[in-house]
Protein backbone atom coordinates (compact mmCIF):
# COMPACT_ATOMS: atom_id res chain seq x y z
CA MET A 1 6.97 -64.90 58.11
CA ALA A 2 7.05 -63.11 61.40
CA ALA A 3 10.67 -62.08 60.68
CA ASP A 4 9.41 -60.70 57.17
CA SER A 5 6.78 -58.75 58.92
CA GLN A 6 9.04 -57.09 61.30
CA LEU A 7 11.37 -56.13 58.61
CA ILE A 8 8.52 -54.42 56.46
CA ALA A 9 7.38 -52.75 59.66
CA LYS A 10 11.03 -51.23 60.23
CA GLN A 11 11.22 -49.77 56.51
CA PRO A 12 11.27 -45.97 57.04
CA HIS A 13 8.20 -43.86 55.45
CA LYS A 14 9.00 -42.55 52.07
CA PRO A 15 7.90 -38.88 51.47
CA LYS A 16 4.95 -38.75 49.01
CA LEU A 17 5.57 -36.98 45.89
CA ALA A 18 2.76 -35.65 43.60
CA VAL A 19 2.95 -33.98 40.28
CA TRP A 20 -0.19 -32.09 38.99
CA LYS A 21 -1.06 -30.60 35.64
CA PHE A 22 -3.43 -27.58 34.93
CA ALA A 23 -3.32 -25.38 31.59
CA SER A 24 -0.02 -26.34 30.04
CA CYS A 25 1.66 -28.13 27.50
CA ASP A 26 3.16 -30.87 29.77
CA GLY A 27 6.66 -29.79 28.85
CA CYS A 28 7.74 -29.35 32.57
CA GLN A 29 6.45 -32.92 33.62
CA LEU A 30 8.37 -34.26 30.60
CA SER A 31 11.41 -32.37 32.08
CA LEU A 32 11.24 -34.66 35.05
CA LEU A 33 10.81 -37.91 33.08
CA ASP A 34 13.69 -36.75 31.20
CA CYS A 35 15.83 -37.03 34.22
CA GLU A 36 15.86 -40.82 33.51
CA ASP A 37 18.96 -42.31 35.67
CA GLU A 38 18.30 -39.50 38.11
CA LEU A 39 14.61 -40.28 38.47
CA LEU A 40 15.35 -43.99 39.36
CA LEU A 41 17.64 -42.51 42.17
CA LEU A 42 14.69 -40.16 43.21
CA ALA A 43 12.29 -43.19 43.30
CA GLN A 44 14.43 -44.61 45.98
CA GLU A 45 13.93 -41.70 48.14
CA VAL A 46 10.41 -40.63 47.56
CA GLU A 47 7.04 -42.39 46.87
CA ILE A 48 5.78 -40.98 43.47
CA ALA A 49 2.19 -41.12 44.60
CA TYR A 50 0.48 -39.32 41.70
CA PHE A 51 1.96 -38.43 38.52
CA MET A 52 -0.59 -38.98 35.72
CA GLU A 53 2.12 -38.21 32.82
CA ALA A 54 4.02 -41.30 34.15
CA SER A 55 1.32 -43.81 35.48
CA SER A 56 -2.33 -44.12 36.02
CA ALA A 57 -1.76 -45.62 39.45
CA ALA A 58 -2.40 -43.08 42.27
CA VAL A 59 -2.04 -42.93 45.86
CA ASP A 60 -4.24 -40.71 48.14
CA GLY A 61 -2.84 -37.65 49.93
CA PRO A 62 -1.98 -35.93 51.91
CA TYR A 63 1.53 -35.46 50.12
CA ASP A 64 4.77 -34.38 51.46
CA ILE A 65 5.68 -32.44 48.09
CA SER A 66 3.52 -31.43 45.25
CA LEU A 67 4.79 -29.99 42.12
CA VAL A 68 2.44 -28.15 40.07
CA GLU A 69 2.61 -27.36 36.23
CA GLY A 70 -0.07 -24.89 34.51
CA SER A 71 -1.84 -21.89 35.08
CA ILE A 72 -5.49 -21.47 36.45
CA THR A 73 -7.89 -20.94 33.44
CA THR A 74 -11.33 -22.44 34.48
CA PRO A 75 -13.38 -22.55 37.46
CA ALA A 76 -12.82 -26.20 37.91
CA ASP A 77 -9.12 -25.28 37.90
CA LEU A 78 -9.53 -22.81 41.04
CA LEU A 79 -11.50 -25.34 42.92
CA ARG A 80 -8.63 -28.16 42.10
CA ILE A 81 -5.68 -26.16 43.08
CA GLN A 82 -7.29 -25.28 46.26
CA GLU A 83 -7.59 -28.91 47.39
CA VAL A 84 -4.16 -29.73 46.05
CA ARG A 85 -2.91 -26.90 48.51
CA ARG A 86 -5.04 -28.35 51.35
CA GLN A 87 -3.49 -31.92 50.72
CA SER A 88 0.14 -30.64 50.19
CA ASN A 89 2.92 -29.90 52.97
CA PHE A 90 5.20 -28.35 50.33
CA LEU A 91 3.80 -26.96 47.18
CA VAL A 92 6.14 -26.19 44.46
CA CYS A 93 5.28 -24.31 41.06
CA ILE A 94 7.20 -25.52 38.04
CA GLY A 95 7.50 -23.63 34.82
CA ALA A 96 6.16 -20.38 33.22
CA CYS A 97 2.65 -21.24 33.15
CA ALA A 98 2.61 -22.11 37.03
CA THR A 99 4.73 -19.17 37.74
CA ALA A 100 3.65 -16.55 35.39
CA GLY A 101 0.57 -17.55 33.74
CA GLY A 102 2.42 -18.83 30.47
CA ILE A 103 1.69 -17.92 26.96
CA GLN A 104 -2.01 -18.50 27.52
CA ALA A 105 -2.01 -15.51 29.74
CA LEU A 106 -1.70 -13.21 26.58
CA ARG A 107 -5.31 -13.31 26.74
CA ASN A 108 -5.39 -11.25 29.93
CA PHE A 109 -4.37 -8.47 27.57
CA ALA A 110 -7.28 -8.83 25.25
CA ASP A 111 -11.01 -9.85 25.33
CA VAL A 112 -11.18 -13.64 26.08
CA SER A 113 -14.77 -13.47 24.73
CA GLU A 114 -13.52 -12.53 21.27
CA PHE A 115 -10.98 -15.29 21.34
CA THR A 116 -13.44 -18.07 22.05
CA SER A 117 -16.00 -16.55 19.54
CA VAL A 118 -13.21 -17.06 16.87
CA VAL A 119 -11.92 -20.38 17.73
CA TYR A 120 -14.78 -22.41 18.90
CA ALA A 121 -18.04 -23.17 16.87
CA GLN A 122 -20.04 -23.00 20.08
CA PRO A 123 -18.24 -20.49 22.40
CA ALA A 124 -21.20 -20.72 24.73
CA TYR A 125 -20.02 -24.18 25.92
CA ILE A 126 -16.78 -23.10 26.80
CA ASP A 127 -16.45 -22.64 30.64
CA THR A 128 -13.35 -20.49 31.14
CA LEU A 129 -12.17 -17.76 33.50
CA LYS A 130 -11.50 -14.29 32.17
CA GLU A 131 -8.01 -14.49 32.93
CA SER A 132 -5.15 -17.05 32.92
CA THR A 133 -3.14 -16.71 36.20
CA PRO A 134 -0.10 -18.14 38.09
CA ILE A 135 -0.82 -20.75 40.82
CA SER A 136 0.28 -18.14 43.51
CA THR A 137 -2.68 -15.77 42.67
CA HIS A 138 -4.95 -18.49 44.19
CA VAL A 139 -2.90 -20.19 46.78
CA SER A 140 0.20 -19.96 48.82
CA VAL A 141 3.28 -21.52 47.22
CA ASP A 142 6.58 -22.78 48.93
CA PHE A 143 8.83 -22.14 45.94
CA GLU A 144 8.55 -21.13 42.28
CA LEU A 145 10.91 -22.64 39.67
CA GLN A 146 10.88 -20.67 36.36
CA GLY A 147 11.58 -21.88 32.72
CA CYS A 148 9.74 -22.93 29.80
CA PRO A 149 10.38 -25.63 30.17
CA ILE A 150 12.23 -25.87 33.39
CA ASN A 151 15.71 -26.99 33.84
CA LYS A 152 15.66 -30.81 35.00
CA LEU A 153 18.61 -30.31 37.05
CA GLN A 154 17.25 -27.41 38.96
CA LEU A 155 14.34 -29.32 39.37
CA LEU A 156 16.19 -32.05 41.19
CA GLU A 157 17.97 -29.74 43.41
CA VAL A 158 14.75 -28.06 44.52
CA ILE A 159 13.22 -31.73 45.44
CA SER A 160 16.22 -32.52 47.05
CA ALA A 161 16.26 -29.09 49.21
CA PHE A 162 12.75 -29.68 50.40
CA LEU A 163 13.25 -33.35 51.25
CA ASN A 164 16.25 -32.36 53.31
CA ARG A 165 14.48 -29.08 54.81
CA ARG A 166 16.97 -26.53 53.43
CA ALA A 167 16.59 -23.70 50.75
CA PRO A 168 17.00 -24.56 47.27
CA GLN A 169 20.22 -23.51 45.69
CA VAL A 170 19.25 -22.25 42.32
CA ALA A 171 21.53 -19.66 40.75
CA PRO A 172 19.80 -16.14 40.62
CA HIS A 173 22.05 -14.69 37.88
CA SER A 174 21.21 -13.74 34.16
CA VAL A 175 21.69 -15.56 30.95
CA CYS A 176 24.42 -13.43 29.98
CA ILE A 177 26.55 -15.28 32.67
CA GLU A 178 25.66 -18.28 31.04
CA CYS A 179 26.95 -16.96 27.76
CA LYS A 180 30.19 -15.96 29.33
CA LEU A 181 30.60 -19.33 30.93
CA LYS A 182 30.25 -20.81 27.31
CA ASN A 183 32.54 -18.28 25.66
CA ASN A 184 29.62 -17.20 23.37
CA VAL A 185 30.32 -14.19 21.61
CA CYS A 186 27.65 -11.51 22.33
CA VAL A 187 25.02 -11.32 19.92
CA TRP A 188 24.06 -7.93 20.82
CA VAL A 189 27.58 -6.33 20.86
CA ALA A 190 28.75 -8.40 17.61
CA HIS A 191 25.74 -8.48 15.70
CA GLY A 192 23.11 -5.80 17.13
CA THR A 193 20.73 -8.31 17.78
CA PRO A 194 17.94 -7.49 20.57
CA CYS A 195 18.50 -9.89 23.23
CA MET A 196 16.57 -10.45 26.62
CA GLY A 197 19.56 -12.10 28.18
CA PRO A 198 20.57 -9.27 30.44
CA VAL A 199 17.14 -9.42 32.49
CA THR A 200 16.50 -13.02 32.09
CA HIS A 201 16.83 -15.69 34.86
CA ALA A 202 19.52 -18.22 33.95
CA GLY A 203 18.69 -22.01 33.52
CA CYS A 204 18.59 -22.75 29.66
CA GLY A 205 22.37 -22.80 29.18
CA ALA A 206 22.08 -19.82 26.76
CA LEU A 207 20.55 -21.98 24.13
CA CYS A 208 19.18 -19.23 21.75
CA PRO A 209 22.39 -16.90 21.91
CA SER A 210 24.49 -20.13 21.34
CA TYR A 211 22.94 -20.34 17.90
CA ASN A 212 23.43 -16.54 17.31
CA ARG A 213 19.90 -15.72 18.24
CA GLY A 214 18.69 -13.29 20.93
CA CYS A 215 17.27 -14.53 24.25
CA TYR A 216 13.54 -14.88 24.29
CA ALA A 217 13.36 -14.75 28.06
CA CYS A 218 11.85 -18.04 28.43
CA TYR A 219 13.13 -18.33 32.16
CA GLY A 220 11.51 -14.98 33.13
CA PRO A 221 13.06 -12.08 35.02
CA LYS A 222 16.11 -12.45 37.16
CA GLU A 223 16.60 -11.14 40.43
CA ASN A 224 16.74 -7.04 40.34
CA PRO A 225 16.62 -6.83 36.42
CA ASN A 226 17.41 -3.23 35.05
CA SER A 227 14.85 -3.56 32.46
CA ASP A 228 14.78 0.32 32.04
CA SER A 229 18.36 0.45 30.62
CA LEU A 230 17.55 -2.58 28.50
CA CYS A 231 14.49 -0.82 26.92
CA HIS A 232 16.61 2.37 26.51
CA TRP A 233 19.37 0.62 24.50
CA TRP A 234 16.70 -1.29 22.32
CA GLU A 235 14.92 1.87 21.38
CA GLN A 236 17.78 4.43 21.23
CA LYS A 237 20.81 2.20 19.95
CA LEU A 238 18.92 -0.59 18.06
CA GLY A 239 16.01 1.42 16.65
CA ALA A 240 13.46 -1.02 18.18
CA ASN A 241 9.85 0.37 18.40
CA LYS A 242 7.61 0.07 21.06
CA SER A 243 5.54 -2.79 19.76
CA THR A 244 8.78 -4.71 19.59
CA VAL A 245 9.86 -4.18 23.19
CA ILE A 246 6.30 -4.91 24.40
CA GLU A 247 6.32 -8.09 22.42
CA ASN A 248 9.45 -9.29 24.06
CA PHE A 249 8.25 -8.73 27.68
CA ARG A 250 4.89 -10.54 26.77
CA ASN A 251 5.60 -13.98 26.17
CA PHE A 252 5.94 -16.88 28.01
CA ASN A 253 6.28 -15.03 31.26
CA ALA A 254 3.92 -12.27 30.44
CA LEU A 255 2.47 -12.06 34.14
CA ALA A 256 5.69 -12.14 36.01
CA PRO A 257 5.26 -9.02 38.10
CA HIS A 258 8.34 -7.24 36.53
CA PHE A 259 7.82 -8.15 32.83
CA LYS A 260 4.12 -7.21 33.33
CA GLU A 261 4.93 -3.81 34.77
CA VAL A 262 7.71 -3.02 31.96
CA SER A 263 5.24 -3.97 29.12
CA GLU A 264 2.31 -1.88 30.80
CA HIS A 265 4.53 0.92 31.27
CA ARG A 266 5.71 0.80 27.76
CA GLU A 267 2.35 0.45 26.41
CA ARG A 268 1.19 3.61 27.98
CA GLY A 269 4.36 5.54 27.01
CA ASP A 270 6.12 5.64 30.53
CA LYS A 271 9.64 4.64 31.13
CA ALA A 272 9.92 0.91 32.51
């Protein structure tokens, strides 16, 4: 019995991993569960201390790594994310909602009180903030992993990087590169289909262009996107009107700083 106690005492401490949900569809958490075999290996390296999507069991913090899905939409969310930040050594935002406000951030460009009056029978009971905002608007974050939903292999790379105290190696190139790697025929060149691929961060595997559809920018802006050129080609060569251009920059990642700037400039009639 004493020998068993000594063995237990010698076991190394596993870093605590917590997964938190705010306003979202849970798709990014499901991406983690979809890791399957990789998740079993991950469980050998970390203690999954808090993950309500997977288990009701919870271990108190502090936590070595927190993965946060969802945007901040209520006063309660605002208080809770501040507490999550205090309890977390590293805080990683996962998905479009956490990094860019998500599809629900479209309300930021309209009147939220009008929405609630139309949707809810008793809007007076709805306690919501005026805007839906990314996590980084309210607390400091250590890394943002884009995507709607995120790429599970990119997520595993990010977790591994923080466990090993190194920078995550997430490719910064565009969806166009993924198209080329898959030998896809360019939907823009071949069919004249408007496509956000040139300015969109890689990660989806060029899913939509692989089925002859234009990219919808689910993974948000790539590094240093040339959206001015993209808008010019859409408007001058494909005949897209201003509303079409704005709608394509205001979707899952409407509050990503670059996309927000482009859509607002276009709305005013400026260049991107």
